[in-house]
Amino acid sequence: MAVAKIAISIDEVILKQVDRLVQKKIYPSRSRAIQEAVKDKIERISKVRLANECAKLNSGEETSLAEEGMDMEIKEWQEY
């Protein structure tokens, strides 16, 4: 994985919390702590976006589309 160096501004209170996590050896460095926090946030946003898009679906309409033509096909199936 390619890594890019960037400069960021961060609230001092948050930075102290990050430093405590590094001090407790939860993360090996500030960079890793911030990188994982950003990654987690992006994943959460992606899941929320997917959930919001799914909520827009009409389940009755989706079921109807999925079953479209099934009545005719079922009659043509062989019995087991």
N, C-alpha and C. Protein backbone atom coordinates (compact mmCIF):
# COMPACT_ATOMS: atom_id res chain seq x y z
N MET A 1 0.85 -1.17 0.00
CA MET A 1 0.00 0.00 0.00
C MET A 1 0.89 1.23 0.00
N ALA A 2 0.67 2.11 -0.97
CA ALA A 2 1.43 3.36 -1.03
C ALA A 2 0.92 4.30 0.06
N VAL A 3 1.83 5.01 0.67
CA VAL A 3 1.47 5.92 1.75
C VAL A 3 1.92 7.32 1.35
N ALA A 4 1.05 8.29 1.59
CA ALA A 4 1.37 9.69 1.30
C ALA A 4 1.48 10.45 2.61
N LYS A 5 2.45 11.34 2.68
CA LYS A 5 2.60 12.19 3.86
C LYS A 5 1.77 13.44 3.65
N ILE A 6 1.02 13.83 4.70
CA ILE A 6 0.24 15.05 4.64
C ILE A 6 0.42 15.81 5.95
N ALA A 7 0.08 17.07 5.93
CA ALA A 7 0.08 17.86 7.17
C ALA A 7 -1.38 18.16 7.49
N ILE A 8 -1.75 18.00 8.76
CA ILE A 8 -3.13 18.28 9.16
C ILE A 8 -3.12 19.19 10.38
N SER A 9 -4.23 19.86 10.56
CA SER A 9 -4.46 20.62 11.80
C SER A 9 -5.44 19.82 12.62
N ILE A 10 -5.18 19.72 13.91
CA ILE A 10 -6.04 18.90 14.77
C ILE A 10 -6.19 19.61 16.12
N ASP A 11 -7.36 19.51 16.65
CA ASP A 11 -7.66 20.10 17.96
C ASP A 11 -6.72 19.52 19.01
N GLU A 12 -6.21 20.36 19.88
CA GLU A 12 -5.23 19.92 20.88
C GLU A 12 -5.80 18.86 21.82
N VAL A 13 -7.06 18.96 22.15
CA VAL A 13 -7.68 17.96 23.04
C VAL A 13 -7.68 16.59 22.36
N ILE A 14 -8.04 16.58 21.09
CA ILE A 14 -8.05 15.32 20.35
C ILE A 14 -6.63 14.77 20.22
N LEU A 15 -5.67 15.65 19.97
CA LEU A 15 -4.28 15.21 19.85
C LEU A 15 -3.79 14.58 21.16
N LYS A 16 -4.18 15.15 22.29
CA LYS A 16 -3.80 14.57 23.57
C LYS A 16 -4.41 13.18 23.74
N GLN A 17 -5.63 13.01 23.28
CA GLN A 17 -6.27 11.70 23.36
C GLN A 17 -5.55 10.69 22.46
N VAL A 18 -5.16 11.14 21.28
CA VAL A 18 -4.40 10.28 20.38
C VAL A 18 -3.07 9.89 21.03
N ASP A 19 -2.40 10.88 21.61
CA ASP A 19 -1.11 10.61 22.27
C ASP A 19 -1.27 9.60 23.41
N ARG A 20 -2.38 9.67 24.14
CA ARG A 20 -2.62 8.70 25.22
C ARG A 20 -2.77 7.28 24.65
N LEU A 21 -3.45 7.18 23.52
CA LEU A 21 -3.60 5.87 22.89
C LEU A 21 -2.25 5.31 22.44
N VAL A 22 -1.40 6.18 21.95
CA VAL A 22 -0.06 5.76 21.54
C VAL A 22 0.76 5.38 22.77
N GLN A 23 0.64 6.18 23.82
CA GLN A 23 1.37 5.92 25.06
C GLN A 23 0.97 4.57 25.66
N LYS A 24 -0.34 4.23 25.56
CA LYS A 24 -0.83 2.96 26.09
C LYS A 24 -0.55 1.79 25.13
N LYS A 25 0.13 2.10 24.03
CA LYS A 25 0.51 1.10 23.03
C LYS A 25 -0.69 0.48 22.31
N ILE A 26 -1.79 1.22 22.29
CA ILE A 26 -2.95 0.79 21.51
C ILE A 26 -2.65 0.97 20.03
N TYR A 27 -1.91 2.03 19.72
CA TYR A 27 -1.42 2.30 18.36
C TYR A 27 0.07 2.54 18.44
N PRO A 28 0.80 2.17 17.39
CA PRO A 28 2.25 2.35 17.42
C PRO A 28 2.68 3.80 17.20
N SER A 29 1.79 4.61 16.62
CA SER A 29 2.16 5.99 16.32
C SER A 29 0.90 6.85 16.14
N ARG A 30 1.12 8.15 16.17
CA ARG A 30 0.01 9.08 15.89
C ARG A 30 -0.53 8.81 14.49
N SER A 31 0.39 8.64 13.55
CA SER A 31 -0.03 8.43 12.16
C SER A 31 -0.96 7.24 12.03
N ARG A 32 -0.59 6.13 12.67
CA ARG A 32 -1.42 4.93 12.57
C ARG A 32 -2.79 5.15 13.21
N ALA A 33 -2.82 5.83 14.35
CA ALA A 33 -4.09 6.09 15.04
C ALA A 33 -5.00 6.93 14.16
N ILE A 34 -4.46 7.97 13.58
CA ILE A 34 -5.26 8.87 12.75
C ILE A 34 -5.68 8.16 11.46
N GLN A 35 -4.76 7.39 10.87
CA GLN A 35 -5.07 6.65 9.65
C GLN A 35 -6.24 5.69 9.88
N GLU A 36 -6.20 4.96 10.98
CA GLU A 36 -7.28 4.00 11.26
C GLU A 36 -8.60 4.71 11.58
N ALA A 37 -8.52 5.87 12.25
CA ALA A 37 -9.73 6.62 12.55
C ALA A 37 -10.40 7.11 11.26
N VAL A 38 -9.59 7.60 10.34
CA VAL A 38 -10.13 8.07 9.05
C VAL A 38 -10.72 6.90 8.28
N LYS A 39 -10.01 5.78 8.25
CA LYS A 39 -10.51 4.58 7.56
C LYS A 39 -11.85 4.13 8.13
N ASP A 40 -11.95 4.06 9.46
CA ASP A 40 -13.20 3.65 10.11
C ASP A 40 -14.34 4.60 9.76
N LYS A 41 -14.05 5.89 9.75
CA LYS A 41 -15.08 6.88 9.43
C LYS A 41 -15.57 6.71 8.00
N ILE A 42 -14.64 6.51 7.07
CA ILE A 42 -15.02 6.31 5.67
C ILE A 42 -15.88 5.05 5.52
N GLU A 43 -15.52 3.97 6.21
CA GLU A 43 -16.31 2.74 6.15
C GLU A 43 -17.72 2.95 6.69
N ARG A 44 -17.82 3.69 7.81
CA ARG A 44 -19.14 3.97 8.39
C ARG A 44 -20.00 4.80 7.45
N ILE A 45 -19.39 5.81 6.83
CA ILE A 45 -20.13 6.65 5.88
C ILE A 45 -20.62 5.81 4.72
N SER A 46 -19.79 4.90 4.22
CA SER A 46 -20.17 4.04 3.11
C SER A 46 -21.35 3.15 3.49
N LYS A 47 -21.33 2.59 4.70
CA LYS A 47 -22.43 1.74 5.14
C LYS A 47 -23.72 2.54 5.30
N VAL A 48 -23.61 3.75 5.81
CA VAL A 48 -24.79 4.59 5.98
C VAL A 48 -25.36 4.95 4.61
N ARG A 49 -24.48 5.25 3.67
CA ARG A 49 -24.94 5.59 2.32
C ARG A 49 -25.69 4.40 1.71
N LEU A 50 -25.14 3.20 1.86
CA LEU A 50 -25.80 2.01 1.33
C LEU A 50 -27.15 1.79 2.01
N ALA A 51 -27.18 1.95 3.33
CA ALA A 51 -28.44 1.79 4.07
C ALA A 51 -29.48 2.81 3.61
N ASN A 52 -29.04 4.04 3.38
CA ASN A 52 -29.97 5.08 2.91
C ASN A 52 -30.51 4.75 1.53
N GLU A 53 -29.66 4.25 0.65
CA GLU A 53 -30.11 3.88 -0.69
C GLU A 53 -31.07 2.69 -0.63
N CYS A 54 -30.78 1.73 0.23
CA CYS A 54 -31.67 0.57 0.39
C CYS A 54 -33.02 0.98 0.95
N ALA A 55 -33.02 1.96 1.83
CA ALA A 55 -34.28 2.43 2.43
C ALA A 55 -35.20 3.07 1.39
N LYS A 56 -34.62 3.54 0.30
CA LYS A 56 -35.41 4.16 -0.76
C LYS A 56 -36.16 3.12 -1.59
N LEU A 57 -35.75 1.86 -1.50
CA LEU A 57 -36.37 0.82 -2.30
C LEU A 57 -37.76 0.49 -1.77
N ASN A 58 -38.66 0.20 -2.67
CA ASN A 58 -40.00 -0.22 -2.32
C ASN A 58 -39.99 -1.74 -2.34
N SER A 59 -40.09 -2.35 -1.15
CA SER A 59 -39.96 -3.81 -1.07
C SER A 59 -41.03 -4.54 -1.89
N GLY A 60 -42.23 -4.01 -1.92
CA GLY A 60 -43.28 -4.64 -2.71
C GLY A 60 -42.97 -4.61 -4.19
N GLU A 61 -42.48 -3.48 -4.64
CA GLU A 61 -42.12 -3.34 -6.06
C GLU A 61 -40.93 -4.23 -6.41
N GLU A 62 -39.95 -4.29 -5.51
CA GLU A 62 -38.78 -5.13 -5.75
C GLU A 62 -39.17 -6.60 -5.81
N THR A 63 -40.06 -7.03 -4.91
CA THR A 63 -40.53 -8.42 -4.91
C THR A 63 -41.29 -8.72 -6.20
N SER A 64 -42.12 -7.78 -6.61
CA SER A 64 -42.90 -7.95 -7.84
C SER A 64 -41.97 -8.10 -9.04
N LEU A 65 -40.93 -7.26 -9.10
CA LEU A 65 -39.97 -7.36 -10.21
C LEU A 65 -39.21 -8.68 -10.17
N ALA A 66 -38.85 -9.13 -8.98
CA ALA A 66 -38.11 -10.38 -8.85
C ALA A 66 -38.95 -11.58 -9.25
N GLU A 67 -40.25 -11.51 -9.01
CA GLU A 67 -41.13 -12.64 -9.28
C GLU A 67 -41.80 -12.54 -10.64
N GLU A 68 -41.53 -11.47 -11.38
CA GLU A 68 -42.16 -11.24 -12.67
C GLU A 68 -41.96 -12.45 -13.59
N GLY A 69 -43.03 -12.97 -14.11
CA GLY A 69 -42.95 -14.09 -15.03
C GLY A 69 -42.80 -15.44 -14.35
N MET A 70 -42.72 -15.47 -13.04
CA MET A 70 -42.51 -16.74 -12.34
C MET A 70 -43.73 -17.66 -12.46
N ASP A 71 -44.94 -17.11 -12.51
CA ASP A 71 -46.14 -17.95 -12.60
C ASP A 71 -46.08 -18.84 -13.83
N MET A 72 -45.70 -18.24 -14.96
CA MET A 72 -45.63 -19.02 -16.19
C MET A 72 -44.50 -20.03 -16.12
N GLU A 73 -43.37 -19.63 -15.60
CA GLU A 73 -42.22 -20.52 -15.53
C GLU A 73 -42.48 -21.70 -14.60
N ILE A 74 -43.14 -21.46 -13.49
CA ILE A 74 -43.41 -22.53 -12.52
C ILE A 74 -44.26 -23.63 -13.15
N LYS A 75 -45.22 -23.24 -13.97
CA LYS A 75 -46.09 -24.22 -14.64
C LYS A 75 -45.29 -25.11 -15.58
N GLU A 76 -44.20 -24.56 -16.13
CA GLU A 76 -43.39 -25.31 -17.08
C GLU A 76 -42.37 -26.22 -16.40
N TRP A 77 -42.14 -26.04 -15.11
CA TRP A 77 -41.15 -26.86 -14.41
C TRP A 77 -41.63 -28.28 -14.24
N GLN A 78 -40.70 -29.19 -14.29
CA GLN A 78 -41.06 -30.59 -14.08
C GLN A 78 -41.26 -30.84 -12.59
N GLU A 79 -42.20 -31.75 -12.29
CA GLU A 79 -42.42 -32.11 -10.90
C GLU A 79 -41.40 -33.14 -10.46
N TYR A 80 -40.97 -33.07 -9.23
CA TYR A 80 -39.99 -34.02 -8.69
C TYR A 80 -40.64 -34.99 -7.77
